[in-house]
Amino acid sequence: LQHRNLVRLLGCCIQRDEKMLVYEFMPNKSLDFFIFDEMRIKFLDW
């Protein structure tokens, strides 16, 4: 999948008992971090 509104997968790691996915970093975390916090939601105007 390639779209500007889908997170981009950079690679993966399967070694020993580990299973990991490597994504591009999103500095502003997830949406729930903002909309469910009384202070941070103020940064989201209409």
All heavy atoms as atom14 arrays in JSON, in Angstrom:
{
  "sequence": "LQHRNLVRLLGCCIQRDEKMLVYEFMPNKSLDFFIFDEMRIKFLDW",
  "atom14_mask": [
    [1, 1, 1, 1, 1, 1, 1, 1, 0, 0, 0, 0, 0, 0],
    [1, 1, 1, 1, 1, 1, 1, 1, 1, 0, 0, 0, 0, 0],
    [1, 1, 1, 1, 1, 1, 1, 1, 1, 1, 0, 0, 0, 0],
    [1, 1, 1, 1, 1, 1, 1, 1, 1, 1, 1, 0, 0, 0],
    [1, 1, 1, 1, 1, 1, 1, 1, 0, 0, 0, 0, 0, 0],
    [1, 1, 1, 1, 1, 1, 1, 1, 0, 0, 0, 0, 0, 0],
    [1, 1, 1, 1, 1, 1, 1, 0, 0, 0, 0, 0, 0, 0],
    [1, 1, 1, 1, 1, 1, 1, 1, 1, 1, 1, 0, 0, 0],
    [1, 1, 1, 1, 1, 1, 1, 1, 0, 0, 0, 0, 0, 0],
    [1, 1, 1, 1, 1, 1, 1, 1, 0, 0, 0, 0, 0, 0],
    [1, 1, 1, 1, 0, 0, 0, 0, 0, 0, 0, 0, 0, 0],
    [1, 1, 1, 1, 1, 1, 0, 0, 0, 0, 0, 0, 0, 0],
    [1, 1, 1, 1, 1, 1, 0, 0, 0, 0, 0, 0, 0, 0],
    [1, 1, 1, 1, 1, 1, 1, 1, 0, 0, 0, 0, 0, 0],
    [1, 1, 1, 1, 1, 1, 1, 1, 1, 0, 0, 0, 0, 0],
    [1, 1, 1, 1, 1, 1, 1, 1, 1, 1, 1, 0, 0, 0],
    [1, 1, 1, 1, 1, 1, 1, 1, 0, 0, 0, 0, 0, 0],
    [1, 1, 1, 1, 1, 1, 1, 1, 1, 0, 0, 0, 0, 0],
    [1, 1, 1, 1, 1, 1, 1, 1, 1, 0, 0, 0, 0, 0],
    [1, 1, 1, 1, 1, 1, 1, 1, 0, 0, 0, 0, 0, 0],
    [1, 1, 1, 1, 1, 1, 1, 1, 0, 0, 0, 0, 0, 0],
    [1, 1, 1, 1, 1, 1, 1, 0, 0, 0, 0, 0, 0, 0],
    [1, 1, 1, 1, 1, 1, 1, 1, 1, 1, 1, 1, 0, 0],
    [1, 1, 1, 1, 1, 1, 1, 1, 1, 0, 0, 0, 0, 0],
    [1, 1, 1, 1, 1, 1, 1, 1, 1, 1, 1, 0, 0, 0],
    [1, 1, 1, 1, 1, 1, 1, 1, 0, 0, 0, 0, 0, 0],
    [1, 1, 1, 1, 1, 1, 1, 0, 0, 0, 0, 0, 0, 0],
    [1, 1, 1, 1, 1, 1, 1, 1, 0, 0, 0, 0, 0, 0],
    [1, 1, 1, 1, 1, 1, 1, 1, 1, 0, 0, 0, 0, 0],
    [1, 1, 1, 1, 1, 1, 0, 0, 0, 0, 0, 0, 0, 0],
    [1, 1, 1, 1, 1, 1, 1, 1, 0, 0, 0, 0, 0, 0],
    [1, 1, 1, 1, 1, 1, 1, 1, 0, 0, 0, 0, 0, 0],
    [1, 1, 1, 1, 1, 1, 1, 1, 1, 1, 1, 0, 0, 0],
    [1, 1, 1, 1, 1, 1, 1, 1, 1, 1, 1, 0, 0, 0],
    [1, 1, 1, 1, 1, 1, 1, 1, 0, 0, 0, 0, 0, 0],
    [1, 1, 1, 1, 1, 1, 1, 1, 1, 1, 1, 0, 0, 0],
    [1, 1, 1, 1, 1, 1, 1, 1, 0, 0, 0, 0, 0, 0],
    [1, 1, 1, 1, 1, 1, 1, 1, 1, 0, 0, 0, 0, 0],
    [1, 1, 1, 1, 1, 1, 1, 1, 0, 0, 0, 0, 0, 0],
    [1, 1, 1, 1, 1, 1, 1, 1, 1, 1, 1, 0, 0, 0],
    [1, 1, 1, 1, 1, 1, 1, 1, 0, 0, 0, 0, 0, 0],
    [1, 1, 1, 1, 1, 1, 1, 1, 1, 0, 0, 0, 0, 0],
    [1, 1, 1, 1, 1, 1, 1, 1, 1, 1, 1, 0, 0, 0],
    [1, 1, 1, 1, 1, 1, 1, 1, 0, 0, 0, 0, 0, 0],
    [1, 1, 1, 1, 1, 1, 1, 1, 0, 0, 0, 0, 0, 0],
    [1, 1, 1, 1, 1, 1, 1, 1, 1, 1, 1, 1, 1, 1]
  ],
  "atom14_positions": [
    [[0.82, -1.21, 0.0], [0.0, 0.0, 0.0], [0.86, 1.26, 0.0], [1.81, 1.36, 0.76], [-0.92, 0.01, 1.23], [-1.9, -1.17, 1.34], [-2.64, -1.1, 2.66], [-2.87, -1.18, 0.18], [0.0, 0.0, 0.0], [0.0, 0.0, 0.0], [0.0, 0.0, 0.0], [0.0, 0.0, 0.0], [0.0, 0.0, 0.0], [0.0, 0.0, 0.0]],
    [[0.49, 2.2, -0.84], [1.2, 3.47, -0.92], [0.19, 4.61, -0.99], [-0.49, 4.78, -2.0], [2.12, 3.51, -2.15], [3.23, 2.48, -2.16], [4.27, 2.72, -1.06], [4.51, 3.87, -0.67], [4.87, 1.66, -0.56], [0.0, 0.0, 0.0], [0.0, 0.0, 0.0], [0.0, 0.0, 0.0], [0.0, 0.0, 0.0], [0.0, 0.0, 0.0]],
    [[0.06, 5.34, 0.1], [-0.85, 6.48, 0.12], [-0.39, 7.44, 1.2], [0.11, 7.02, 2.25], [-2.29, 6.03, 0.39], [-3.32, 7.1, 0.18], [-3.68, 7.99, 1.17], [-4.05, 7.43, -0.9], [-4.61, 8.81, 0.71], [-4.85, 8.49, -0.55], [0.0, 0.0, 0.0], [0.0, 0.0, 0.0], [0.0, 0.0, 0.0], [0.0, 0.0, 0.0]],
    [[-0.58, 8.72, 0.99], [-0.08, 9.72, 1.92], [-0.78, 9.67, 3.28], [-0.27, 10.19, 4.27], [-0.24, 11.12, 1.32], [-1.66, 11.54, 1.06], [-1.74, 12.92, 0.43], [-1.17, 13.92, 1.3], [-1.06, 15.21, 0.97], [-1.46, 15.62, -0.22], [-0.56, 16.07, 1.82], [0.0, 0.0, 0.0], [0.0, 0.0, 0.0], [0.0, 0.0, 0.0]],
    [[-1.96, 9.02, 3.33], [-2.69, 8.92, 4.6], [-2.66, 7.52, 5.2], [-3.5, 7.17, 6.03], [-4.13, 9.4, 4.43], [-4.23, 10.87, 4.11], [-4.69, 11.26, 3.04], [-3.76, 11.72, 5.02], [0.0, 0.0, 0.0], [0.0, 0.0, 0.0], [0.0, 0.0, 0.0], [0.0, 0.0, 0.0], [0.0, 0.0, 0.0], [0.0, 0.0, 0.0]],
    [[-1.69, 6.71, 4.77], [-1.43, 5.41, 5.37], [0.0, 5.4, 5.87], [0.91, 5.89, 5.18], [-1.62, 4.28, 4.35], [-2.99, 4.16, 3.67], [-2.99, 2.96, 2.72], [-4.11, 4.02, 4.68], [0.0, 0.0, 0.0], [0.0, 0.0, 0.0], [0.0, 0.0, 0.0], [0.0, 0.0, 0.0], [0.0, 0.0, 0.0], [0.0, 0.0, 0.0]],
    [[0.23, 4.87, 7.06], [1.57, 4.84, 7.62], [2.48, 3.99, 6.73], [2.04, 2.99, 6.16], [1.55, 4.3, 9.07], [1.22, 2.82, 9.09], [2.85, 4.56, 9.78], [0.0, 0.0, 0.0], [0.0, 0.0, 0.0], [0.0, 0.0, 0.0], [0.0, 0.0, 0.0], [0.0, 0.0, 0.0], [0.0, 0.0, 0.0], [0.0, 0.0, 0.0]],
    [[3.73, 4.4, 6.57], [4.65, 3.72, 5.65], [5.53, 2.74, 6.41], [6.18, 3.08, 7.38], [5.52, 4.75, 4.92], [6.35, 4.15, 3.79], [6.74, 5.22, 2.8], [7.6, 6.23, 3.4], [8.94, 6.21, 3.3], [9.53, 5.26, 2.64], [9.65, 7.16, 3.87], [0.0, 0.0, 0.0], [0.0, 0.0, 0.0], [0.0, 0.0, 0.0]],
    [[5.51, 1.5, 5.95], [6.34, 0.45, 6.54], [7.71, 0.48, 5.89], [7.83, 0.39, 4.67], [5.68, -0.92, 6.34], [6.38, -2.12, 6.97], [6.32, -2.03, 8.48], [5.72, -3.42, 6.51], [0.0, 0.0, 0.0], [0.0, 0.0, 0.0], [0.0, 0.0, 0.0], [0.0, 0.0, 0.0], [0.0, 0.0, 0.0], [0.0, 0.0, 0.0]],
    [[8.76, 0.6, 6.7], [10.13, 0.67, 6.19], [10.8, -0.7, 6.13], [11.74, -0.91, 5.36], [10.97, 1.61, 7.05], [10.45, 3.04, 7.2], [11.37, 3.85, 8.1], [10.33, 3.71, 5.83], [0.0, 0.0, 0.0], [0.0, 0.0, 0.0], [0.0, 0.0, 0.0], [0.0, 0.0, 0.0], [0.0, 0.0, 0.0], [0.0, 0.0, 0.0]],
    [[10.35, -1.64, 6.94], [10.96, -2.97, 6.95], [10.48, -3.77, 8.14], [9.57, -3.35, 8.88], [0.0, 0.0, 0.0], [0.0, 0.0, 0.0], [0.0, 0.0, 0.0], [0.0, 0.0, 0.0], [0.0, 0.0, 0.0], [0.0, 0.0, 0.0], [0.0, 0.0, 0.0], [0.0, 0.0, 0.0], [0.0, 0.0, 0.0], [0.0, 0.0, 0.0]],
    [[11.06, -4.93, 8.34], [10.69, -5.78, 9.46], [11.91, -6.54, 9.96], [12.98, -6.53, 9.34], [9.59, -6.75, 9.06], [10.06, -7.94, 7.8], [0.0, 0.0, 0.0], [0.0, 0.0, 0.0], [0.0, 0.0, 0.0], [0.0, 0.0, 0.0], [0.0, 0.0, 0.0], [0.0, 0.0, 0.0], [0.0, 0.0, 0.0], [0.0, 0.0, 0.0]],
    [[11.75, -7.2, 11.08], [12.82, -7.99, 11.68], [12.21, -9.27, 12.24], [11.28, -9.22, 13.04], [13.53, -7.2, 12.78], [14.76, -8.17, 13.7], [0.0, 0.0, 0.0], [0.0, 0.0, 0.0], [0.0, 0.0, 0.0], [0.0, 0.0, 0.0], [0.0, 0.0, 0.0], [0.0, 0.0, 0.0], [0.0, 0.0, 0.0], [0.0, 0.0, 0.0]],
    [[12.72, -10.42, 11.79], [12.32, -11.71, 12.33], [13.59, -12.45, 12.7], [14.28, -12.99, 11.84], [11.5, -12.53, 11.3], [10.33, -11.72, 10.76], [11.0, -13.83, 11.91], [9.59, -12.38, 9.64], [0.0, 0.0, 0.0], [0.0, 0.0, 0.0], [0.0, 0.0, 0.0], [0.0, 0.0, 0.0], [0.0, 0.0, 0.0], [0.0, 0.0, 0.0]],
    [[13.93, -12.42, 13.96], [15.21, -12.98, 14.41], [15.05, -13.51, 15.83], [14.45, -12.85, 16.67], [16.3, -11.92, 14.33], [17.72, -12.47, 14.41], [18.75, -11.39, 14.1], [18.45, -10.38, 13.47], [19.96, -11.59, 14.56], [0.0, 0.0, 0.0], [0.0, 0.0, 0.0], [0.0, 0.0, 0.0], [0.0, 0.0, 0.0], [0.0, 0.0, 0.0]],
    [[15.6, -14.69, 16.08], [15.41, -15.37, 17.37], [13.91, -15.48, 17.63], [13.17, -15.98, 16.8], [16.14, -14.62, 18.48], [17.64, -14.48, 18.27], [18.24, -13.67, 19.4], [19.62, -13.29, 19.13], [20.3, -12.42, 19.88], [19.72, -11.86, 20.94], [21.54, -12.12, 19.56], [0.0, 0.0, 0.0], [0.0, 0.0, 0.0], [0.0, 0.0, 0.0]],
    [[13.47, -15.02, 18.8], [12.04, -15.04, 19.11], [11.38, -13.7, 18.85], [10.23, -13.48, 19.24], [11.83, -15.43, 20.58], [12.3, -16.85, 20.87], [12.19, -17.69, 19.96], [12.78, -17.09, 21.99], [0.0, 0.0, 0.0], [0.0, 0.0, 0.0], [0.0, 0.0, 0.0], [0.0, 0.0, 0.0], [0.0, 0.0, 0.0], [0.0, 0.0, 0.0]],
    [[12.11, -12.79, 18.2], [11.61, -11.44, 18.0], [10.87, -11.31, 16.67], [11.28, -11.85, 15.64], [12.78, -10.44, 18.01], [13.51, -10.34, 19.33], [12.77, -9.5, 20.35], [11.67, -9.01, 20.05], [13.3, -9.33, 21.47], [0.0, 0.0, 0.0], [0.0, 0.0, 0.0], [0.0, 0.0, 0.0], [0.0, 0.0, 0.0], [0.0, 0.0, 0.0]],
    [[9.77, -10.57, 16.71], [9.03, -10.17, 15.51], [8.78, -8.67, 15.63], [8.08, -8.23, 16.54], [7.71, -10.92, 15.39], [7.85, -12.42, 15.23], [6.54, -13.09, 14.85], [5.49, -12.96, 15.93], [5.82, -13.77, 17.14], [0.0, 0.0, 0.0], [0.0, 0.0, 0.0], [0.0, 0.0, 0.0], [0.0, 0.0, 0.0], [0.0, 0.0, 0.0]],
    [[9.37, -7.89, 14.71], [9.26, -6.44, 14.8], [8.95, -5.82, 13.45], [9.38, -6.33, 12.42], [10.55, -5.84, 15.36], [10.77, -6.12, 16.83], [12.3, -5.41, 17.47], [13.47, -6.66, 16.96], [0.0, 0.0, 0.0], [0.0, 0.0, 0.0], [0.0, 0.0, 0.0], [0.0, 0.0, 0.0], [0.0, 0.0, 0.0], [0.0, 0.0, 0.0]],
    [[8.19, -4.73, 13.5], [7.89, -3.95, 12.31], [8.51, -2.57, 12.47], [8.45, -1.99, 13.56], [6.37, -3.82, 12.13], [5.61, -5.12, 11.87], [4.1, -4.89, 11.97], [5.96, -5.69, 10.51], [0.0, 0.0, 0.0], [0.0, 0.0, 0.0], [0.0, 0.0, 0.0], [0.0, 0.0, 0.0], [0.0, 0.0, 0.0], [0.0, 0.0, 0.0]],
    [[9.08, -2.06, 11.4], [9.76, -0.76, 11.45], [8.98, 0.22, 10.56], [8.87, 0.03, 9.35], [11.22, -0.87, 10.97], [11.9, 0.5, 11.05], [11.97, -1.9, 11.79], [0.0, 0.0, 0.0], [0.0, 0.0, 0.0], [0.0, 0.0, 0.0], [0.0, 0.0, 0.0], [0.0, 0.0, 0.0], [0.0, 0.0, 0.0], [0.0, 0.0, 0.0]],
    [[8.46, 1.28, 11.19], [7.67, 2.28, 10.49], [8.4, 3.62, 10.44], [9.34, 3.86, 11.19], [6.34, 2.52, 11.21], [5.42, 1.34, 11.29], [5.35, 0.55, 12.44], [4.58, 1.02, 10.23], [4.49, -0.52, 12.53], [3.71, -0.05, 10.31], [3.66, -0.82, 11.46], [2.81, -1.88, 11.55], [0.0, 0.0, 0.0], [0.0, 0.0, 0.0]],
    [[7.91, 4.5, 9.57], [8.37, 5.88, 9.62], [7.88, 6.48, 10.94], [6.81, 6.14, 11.44], [7.83, 6.68, 8.44], [6.31, 6.73, 8.35], [5.82, 7.53, 7.17], [6.54, 8.45, 6.73], [4.72, 7.25, 6.67], [0.0, 0.0, 0.0], [0.0, 0.0, 0.0], [0.0, 0.0, 0.0], [0.0, 0.0, 0.0], [0.0, 0.0, 0.0]],
    [[8.66, 7.37, 11.51], [8.35, 7.95, 12.81], [7.33, 9.07, 12.68], [7.44, 9.93, 11.79], [9.63, 8.48, 13.45], [9.4, 9.19, 14.76], [8.95, 8.51, 15.87], [9.65, 10.55, 14.87], [8.73, 9.16, 17.08], [9.45, 11.22, 16.08], [8.98, 10.51, 17.18], [0.0, 0.0, 0.0], [0.0, 0.0, 0.0], [0.0, 0.0, 0.0]],
    [[6.34, 9.06, 13.53], [5.31, 10.1, 13.56], [5.49, 10.93, 14.83], [5.14, 10.47, 15.94], [3.91, 9.48, 13.54], [3.58, 8.74, 12.25], [3.31, 9.89, 10.91], [3.54, 8.81, 9.51], [0.0, 0.0, 0.0], [0.0, 0.0, 0.0], [0.0, 0.0, 0.0], [0.0, 0.0, 0.0], [0.0, 0.0, 0.0], [0.0, 0.0, 0.0]],
    [[6.04, 12.13, 14.72], [6.39, 12.92, 15.91], [5.21, 13.35, 16.78], [5.39, 13.61, 17.96], [7.11, 14.14, 15.33], [6.65, 14.23, 13.91], [6.41, 12.82, 13.47], [0.0, 0.0, 0.0], [0.0, 0.0, 0.0], [0.0, 0.0, 0.0], [0.0, 0.0, 0.0], [0.0, 0.0, 0.0], [0.0, 0.0, 0.0], [0.0, 0.0, 0.0]],
    [[4.01, 13.42, 16.21], [2.86, 13.88, 17.0], [2.01, 12.75, 17.56], [0.85, 12.96, 17.93], [2.01, 14.83, 16.17], [2.63, 16.22, 16.1], [3.08, 16.77, 17.11], [2.7, 16.78, 14.91], [0.0, 0.0, 0.0], [0.0, 0.0, 0.0], [0.0, 0.0, 0.0], [0.0, 0.0, 0.0], [0.0, 0.0, 0.0], [0.0, 0.0, 0.0]],
    [[2.61, 11.55, 17.59], [1.96, 10.39, 18.21], [0.62, 10.07, 17.54], [0.45, 10.28, 16.36], [1.81, 10.6, 19.72], [3.15, 10.83, 20.42], [2.99, 10.92, 21.92], [4.35, 11.1, 22.6], [4.23, 11.18, 24.06], [0.0, 0.0, 0.0], [0.0, 0.0, 0.0], [0.0, 0.0, 0.0], [0.0, 0.0, 0.0], [0.0, 0.0, 0.0]],
    [[-0.33, 9.58, 18.33], [-1.61, 9.16, 17.76], [-2.7, 10.18, 18.06], [-2.57, 11.04, 18.94], [-2.01, 7.78, 18.29], [-2.04, 7.77, 19.69], [0.0, 0.0, 0.0], [0.0, 0.0, 0.0], [0.0, 0.0, 0.0], [0.0, 0.0, 0.0], [0.0, 0.0, 0.0], [0.0, 0.0, 0.0], [0.0, 0.0, 0.0], [0.0, 0.0, 0.0]],
    [[-3.8, 10.06, 17.34], [-4.89, 11.02, 17.45], [-5.49, 11.07, 18.84], [-5.87, 12.13, 19.33], [-5.97, 10.66, 16.41], [-7.18, 11.56, 16.33], [-6.79, 12.99, 16.02], [-8.15, 11.03, 15.26], [0.0, 0.0, 0.0], [0.0, 0.0, 0.0], [0.0, 0.0, 0.0], [0.0, 0.0, 0.0], [0.0, 0.0, 0.0], [0.0, 0.0, 0.0]],
    [[-5.58, 9.92, 19.51], [-6.18, 9.89, 20.85], [-5.35, 10.69, 21.86], [-5.87, 11.14, 22.88], [-6.38, 8.46, 21.34], [-5.08, 7.68, 21.44], [-4.14, 7.99, 20.69], [-4.99, 6.76, 22.27], [0.0, 0.0, 0.0], [0.0, 0.0, 0.0], [0.0, 0.0, 0.0], [0.0, 0.0, 0.0], [0.0, 0.0, 0.0], [0.0, 0.0, 0.0]],
    [[-4.06, 10.87, 21.58], [-3.17, 11.65, 22.44], [-3.66, 13.1, 22.53], [-3.49, 13.76, 23.55], [-1.74, 11.6, 21.89], [-0.73, 12.37, 22.68], [-0.27, 11.91, 23.9], [-0.23, 13.58, 22.2], [0.67, 12.62, 24.63], [0.71, 14.3, 22.93], [1.16, 13.82, 24.14], [0.0, 0.0, 0.0], [0.0, 0.0, 0.0], [0.0, 0.0, 0.0]],
    [[-4.32, 13.58, 21.47], [-4.8, 14.97, 21.42], [-6.28, 15.1, 21.79], [-6.64, 15.9, 22.64], [-4.58, 15.56, 20.02], [-3.17, 15.96, 19.75], [-2.28, 15.06, 19.2], [-2.71, 17.24, 20.05], [-0.96, 15.42, 18.95], [-1.4, 17.61, 19.81], [-0.51, 16.69, 19.26], [0.0, 0.0, 0.0], [0.0, 0.0, 0.0], [0.0, 0.0, 0.0]],
    [[-7.12, 14.3, 21.14], [-8.56, 14.59, 21.26], [-9.15, 14.2, 22.6], [-10.22, 14.71, 22.97], [-9.36, 13.91, 20.12], [-9.22, 12.39, 20.17], [-8.94, 14.45, 18.77], [-10.11, 11.68, 19.15], [0.0, 0.0, 0.0], [0.0, 0.0, 0.0], [0.0, 0.0, 0.0], [0.0, 0.0, 0.0], [0.0, 0.0, 0.0], [0.0, 0.0, 0.0]],
    [[-8.49, 13.33, 23.36], [-9.04, 12.93, 24.66], [-8.33, 13.6, 25.83], [-8.44, 13.16, 26.97], [-8.97, 11.4, 24.81], [-9.75, 10.65, 23.77], [-9.27, 9.47, 23.23], [-10.96, 11.14, 23.32], [-9.99, 8.78, 22.26], [-11.69, 10.46, 22.35], [-11.21, 9.28, 21.82], [0.0, 0.0, 0.0], [0.0, 0.0, 0.0], [0.0, 0.0, 0.0]],
    [[-7.6, 14.66, 25.55], [-6.92, 15.42, 26.6], [-7.42, 16.86, 26.58], [-7.41, 17.52, 25.54], [-5.4, 15.39, 26.37], [-4.64, 16.08, 27.49], [-4.47, 17.31, 27.43], [-4.2, 15.38, 28.43], [0.0, 0.0, 0.0], [0.0, 0.0, 0.0], [0.0, 0.0, 0.0], [0.0, 0.0, 0.0], [0.0, 0.0, 0.0], [0.0, 0.0, 0.0]],
    [[-7.89, 17.33, 27.73], [-8.53, 18.65, 27.8], [-7.6, 19.79, 27.38], [-8.06, 20.79, 26.83], [-9.04, 18.91, 29.22], [-10.2, 18.01, 29.62], [-10.7, 18.35, 31.01], [-10.15, 19.28, 31.64], [-11.66, 17.7, 31.46], [0.0, 0.0, 0.0], [0.0, 0.0, 0.0], [0.0, 0.0, 0.0], [0.0, 0.0, 0.0], [0.0, 0.0, 0.0]],
    [[-6.3, 19.64, 27.61], [-5.36, 20.7, 27.26], [-4.89, 20.58, 25.81], [-4.9, 21.54, 25.05], [-4.15, 20.65, 28.2], [-4.48, 20.93, 29.65], [-5.28, 22.54, 29.89], [-3.95, 23.63, 29.39], [0.0, 0.0, 0.0], [0.0, 0.0, 0.0], [0.0, 0.0, 0.0], [0.0, 0.0, 0.0], [0.0, 0.0, 0.0], [0.0, 0.0, 0.0]],
    [[-4.5, 19.34, 25.4], [-3.93, 19.18, 24.06], [-4.96, 19.35, 22.94], [-4.61, 19.73, 21.83], [-3.26, 17.8, 23.95], [-1.94, 17.73, 24.7], [-1.19, 16.44, 24.38], [-1.79, 15.28, 25.03], [-1.39, 14.78, 26.2], [-0.37, 15.34, 26.84], [-1.98, 13.72, 26.72], [0.0, 0.0, 0.0], [0.0, 0.0, 0.0], [0.0, 0.0, 0.0]],
    [[-6.24, 19.11, 23.26], [-7.26, 19.24, 22.22], [-7.41, 20.7, 21.77], [-7.9, 20.99, 20.67], [-8.62, 18.69, 22.68], [-9.54, 18.48, 21.48], [-9.25, 19.61, 23.72], [-10.83, 17.78, 21.79], [0.0, 0.0, 0.0], [0.0, 0.0, 0.0], [0.0, 0.0, 0.0], [0.0, 0.0, 0.0], [0.0, 0.0, 0.0], [0.0, 0.0, 0.0]],
    [[-6.94, 21.62, 22.61], [-7.01, 23.04, 22.26], [-6.1, 23.38, 21.08], [-6.28, 24.4, 20.42], [-6.64, 23.9, 23.47], [-7.63, 23.79, 24.63], [-7.19, 24.6, 25.83], [-8.17, 24.45, 26.98], [-7.74, 25.2, 28.19], [0.0, 0.0, 0.0], [0.0, 0.0, 0.0], [0.0, 0.0, 0.0], [0.0, 0.0, 0.0], [0.0, 0.0, 0.0]],
    [[-5.11, 22.52, 20.82], [-4.23, 22.74, 19.68], [-4.91, 22.36, 18.36], [-4.42, 22.7, 17.29], [-2.94, 21.92, 19.83], [-2.05, 22.39, 20.93], [-2.02, 21.74, 22.16], [-1.24, 23.51, 20.76], [-1.2, 22.18, 23.18], [-0.41, 23.96, 21.78], [-0.38, 23.29, 23.0], [0.0, 0.0, 0.0], [0.0, 0.0, 0.0], [0.0, 0.0, 0.0]],
    [[-6.04, 21.66, 18.47], [-6.77, 21.26, 17.27], [-7.96, 22.17, 17.06], [-9.05, 21.94, 17.62], [-7.24, 19.8, 17.39], [-6.15, 18.72, 17.53], [-6.8, 17.34, 17.61], [-5.18, 18.78, 16.36], [0.0, 0.0, 0.0], [0.0, 0.0, 0.0], [0.0, 0.0, 0.0], [0.0, 0.0, 0.0], [0.0, 0.0, 0.0], [0.0, 0.0, 0.0]],
    [[-7.78, 23.24, 16.3], [-8.92, 24.09, 15.98], [-9.79, 23.37, 14.96], [-9.49, 22.27, 14.51], [-8.46, 25.46, 15.48], [-7.54, 25.36, 14.26], [-7.66, 24.38, 13.5], [-6.7, 26.25, 14.06], [0.0, 0.0, 0.0], [0.0, 0.0, 0.0], [0.0, 0.0, 0.0], [0.0, 0.0, 0.0], [0.0, 0.0, 0.0], [0.0, 0.0, 0.0]],
    [[-10.89, 23.99, 14.56], [-11.83, 23.31, 13.66], [-11.23, 23.02, 12.3], [-11.56, 22.02, 11.66], [-13.12, 24.12, 13.56], [-13.88, 24.14, 14.85], [-14.14, 25.22, 15.63], [-14.44, 23.01, 15.53], [-14.83, 24.83, 16.75], [-15.04, 23.49, 16.71], [-14.5, 21.64, 15.25], [-15.69, 22.65, 17.61], [-15.16, 20.8, 16.15], [-15.74, 21.3, 17.31]]
  ]
}
